[in-house]
Amino acid sequence: MSHLVDLIKHEHDHLMHFFTDLDKRFYEADSGQIDATFLELARGELELGIEELLHHFDQEEAVLFAEVVSRFPVEKEYVAKLTRMHEFICDQTQDLQIILESNPVELQKKVSDVHDIVSTIRGALRTHAKHENAFFVRIFEDLEPTEVDWFLAELAKI
């Protein structure tokens, strides 16, 4: 069990660090340092972060959530709640992408909006990770090593 839960926790931490670093980048730019180069880097970082976020969510939904619901149908409603949080976080990242489509001058005026959205994403990720980590610990605590290996192999396929 520990390898599987540790992997999930590590990915949650990685995603949190990513959005924390993105927020720091914009705090450093508050003093009017947003130019085309800054914007290109920020867009690239966000694109990479979204790819990692979507990959993580895809793994959880296609493997972990699906298997949990098949083994423990009583958990279907809670899994649906976790999936809705994934959707909320994705909606927030889309809002951030839209803002980052602004030109540097317009984006400078919207830096506080960027902070607000990133703060919302970070808060949602933090809360979601807390609930999801506890959920997976509870669900996977009695898995046999072969079951853990199966889950890890299935996650690696995505």
Protein backbone atom coordinates (compact mmCIF):
# COMPACT_ATOMS: atom_id res chain seq x y z
CA MET A 1 0.00 0.00 0.00
CA SER A 2 2.66 2.52 0.91
CA HIS A 3 4.20 2.71 -2.58
CA LEU A 4 0.84 3.53 -4.12
CA VAL A 5 -0.21 6.09 -1.52
CA ASP A 6 3.29 7.59 -1.47
CA LEU A 7 3.14 8.01 -5.25
CA ILE A 8 -0.21 9.78 -5.02
CA LYS A 9 1.00 12.05 -2.22
CA HIS A 10 4.17 12.85 -4.15
CA GLU A 11 2.14 13.84 -7.22
CA HIS A 12 -0.14 16.03 -5.11
CA ASP A 13 2.90 17.75 -3.58
CA HIS A 14 4.45 18.22 -7.03
CA LEU A 15 1.29 19.88 -8.35
CA MET A 16 1.12 22.16 -5.32
CA HIS A 17 4.74 23.21 -5.79
CA PHE A 18 4.13 23.92 -9.44
CA PHE A 19 1.28 26.36 -8.75
CA THR A 20 3.18 27.90 -5.85
CA ASP A 21 6.13 28.56 -8.16
CA LEU A 22 3.85 30.05 -10.81
CA ASP A 23 2.32 32.36 -8.23
CA LYS A 24 5.80 33.45 -7.07
CA ARG A 25 6.70 34.27 -10.67
CA PHE A 26 3.76 36.66 -10.84
CA TYR A 27 4.51 38.21 -7.45
CA GLU A 28 7.99 38.97 -8.71
CA ALA A 29 6.43 40.58 -11.78
CA ASP A 30 4.13 42.86 -9.80
CA SER A 31 6.60 45.69 -10.22
CA GLY A 32 5.97 46.00 -13.93
CA GLN A 33 8.35 43.36 -15.27
CA ILE A 34 5.86 41.62 -17.54
CA ASP A 35 7.13 41.58 -21.10
CA ALA A 36 6.78 39.21 -24.04
CA THR A 37 9.56 36.93 -22.74
CA PHE A 38 8.00 36.72 -19.29
CA LEU A 39 4.62 35.98 -20.80
CA GLU A 40 6.01 33.26 -23.08
CA LEU A 41 7.70 31.57 -20.11
CA ALA A 42 4.57 31.83 -17.95
CA ARG A 43 2.39 30.36 -20.71
CA GLY A 44 4.86 27.51 -21.20
CA GLU A 45 5.00 26.78 -17.48
CA LEU A 46 1.22 26.80 -17.22
CA GLU A 47 0.90 24.51 -20.23
CA LEU A 48 3.33 22.05 -18.67
CA GLY A 49 1.54 22.25 -15.33
CA ILE A 50 -1.83 21.64 -16.94
CA GLU A 51 -0.45 18.63 -18.82
CA GLU A 52 0.83 17.18 -15.55
CA LEU A 53 -2.41 17.99 -13.76
CA LEU A 54 -4.54 16.37 -16.47
CA HIS A 55 -2.27 13.32 -16.59
CA HIS A 56 -2.59 12.93 -12.82
CA PHE A 57 -6.37 13.33 -12.93
CA ASP A 58 -6.63 10.89 -15.85
CA GLN A 59 -4.68 8.27 -13.91
CA GLU A 60 -6.82 8.70 -10.84
CA GLU A 61 -10.13 8.66 -12.68
CA ALA A 62 -9.35 5.88 -15.17
CA VAL A 63 -7.58 3.53 -12.77
CA LEU A 64 -7.94 4.39 -9.11
CA PHE A 65 -11.48 5.77 -9.01
CA ALA A 66 -12.84 3.22 -11.48
CA GLU A 67 -11.35 0.30 -9.57
CA VAL A 68 -12.43 1.64 -6.18
CA VAL A 69 -16.01 2.02 -7.36
CA SER A 70 -16.00 -1.50 -8.85
CA ARG A 71 -14.65 -3.00 -5.62
CA PHE A 72 -16.52 -0.74 -3.20
CA PRO A 73 -19.77 0.53 -4.78
CA VAL A 74 -20.62 2.35 -1.56
CA GLU A 75 -17.78 4.78 -2.38
CA LYS A 76 -19.35 5.88 -5.69
CA GLU A 77 -20.77 9.11 -4.27
CA TYR A 78 -17.49 10.11 -2.61
CA VAL A 79 -15.55 9.35 -5.79
CA ALA A 80 -18.03 11.55 -7.69
CA LYS A 81 -17.28 14.35 -5.23
CA LEU A 82 -13.53 13.95 -5.82
CA THR A 83 -14.13 13.97 -9.59
CA ARG A 84 -16.14 17.20 -9.32
CA MET A 85 -13.18 18.78 -7.57
CA HIS A 86 -10.97 17.72 -10.48
CA GLU A 87 -13.43 19.49 -12.79
CA PHE A 88 -13.40 22.63 -10.65
CA ILE A 89 -9.61 22.77 -10.64
CA CYS A 90 -9.54 22.27 -14.42
CA ASP A 91 -12.07 25.10 -14.87
CA GLN A 92 -9.81 27.38 -12.84
CA THR A 93 -6.78 26.50 -14.96
CA GLN A 94 -8.80 27.33 -18.07
CA ASP A 95 -9.63 30.73 -16.57
CA LEU A 96 -5.92 31.25 -15.97
CA GLN A 97 -5.10 30.29 -19.55
CA ILE A 98 -7.58 32.88 -20.82
CA ILE A 99 -5.96 35.63 -18.74
CA LEU A 100 -2.51 34.62 -19.95
CA GLU A 101 -3.66 35.14 -23.53
CA SER A 102 -3.55 38.89 -22.79
CA ASN A 103 -0.71 40.99 -24.12
CA PRO A 104 1.95 42.06 -21.59
CA VAL A 105 0.40 45.49 -20.95
CA GLU A 106 -3.06 44.06 -20.35
CA LEU A 107 -1.69 41.21 -18.27
CA GLN A 108 0.10 43.69 -16.01
CA LYS A 109 -3.34 45.10 -15.17
CA LYS A 110 -4.64 41.61 -14.42
CA VAL A 111 -1.88 40.35 -12.11
CA SER A 112 -4.20 40.47 -9.11
CA ASP A 113 -6.66 38.27 -11.04
CA VAL A 114 -3.83 35.81 -11.70
CA HIS A 115 -3.01 35.72 -7.98
CA ASP A 116 -6.67 35.18 -7.11
CA ILE A 117 -7.07 32.29 -9.54
CA VAL A 118 -3.78 30.65 -8.59
CA SER A 119 -4.71 31.04 -4.93
CA THR A 120 -8.04 29.36 -5.63
CA ILE A 121 -6.29 26.53 -7.49
CA ARG A 122 -3.77 26.08 -4.70
CA GLY A 123 -6.49 26.05 -2.05
CA ALA A 124 -8.57 23.57 -4.02
CA LEU A 125 -5.53 21.35 -4.62
CA ARG A 126 -4.57 21.48 -0.94
CA THR A 127 -8.08 20.57 0.25
CA HIS A 128 -8.55 17.99 -2.45
CA ALA A 129 -5.18 16.35 -1.77
CA LYS A 130 -5.95 16.18 1.94
CA HIS A 131 -9.27 14.42 1.33
CA GLU A 132 -7.97 12.22 -1.45
CA ASN A 133 -4.84 11.16 0.46
CA ALA A 134 -6.95 10.15 3.46
CA PHE A 135 -9.41 8.37 1.17
CA PHE A 136 -6.69 6.36 -0.57
CA VAL A 137 -5.01 5.45 2.72
CA ARG A 138 -8.34 4.12 3.99
CA ILE A 139 -9.21 2.28 0.77
CA PHE A 140 -5.78 0.84 0.04
CA GLU A 141 -4.62 0.02 3.57
CA ASP A 142 -5.36 -3.69 3.25
CA LEU A 143 -4.11 -4.27 -0.28
CA GLU A 144 -1.85 -7.21 -0.90
CA PRO A 145 1.53 -6.46 -2.53
CA THR A 146 0.33 -8.04 -5.78
CA GLU A 147 -2.66 -5.68 -5.84
CA VAL A 148 -0.40 -2.70 -5.27
CA ASP A 149 1.78 -3.90 -8.15
CA TRP A 150 -1.31 -4.17 -10.36
CA PHE A 151 -2.39 -0.61 -9.57
CA LEU A 152 1.10 0.74 -10.19
CA ALA A 153 1.31 -1.10 -13.51
CA GLU A 154 -2.09 0.22 -14.59
CA LEU A 155 -1.14 3.79 -13.63
CA ALA A 156 2.07 3.47 -15.65
CA LYS A 157 0.03 2.61 -18.76
CA ILE A 158 -1.60 6.06 -18.76
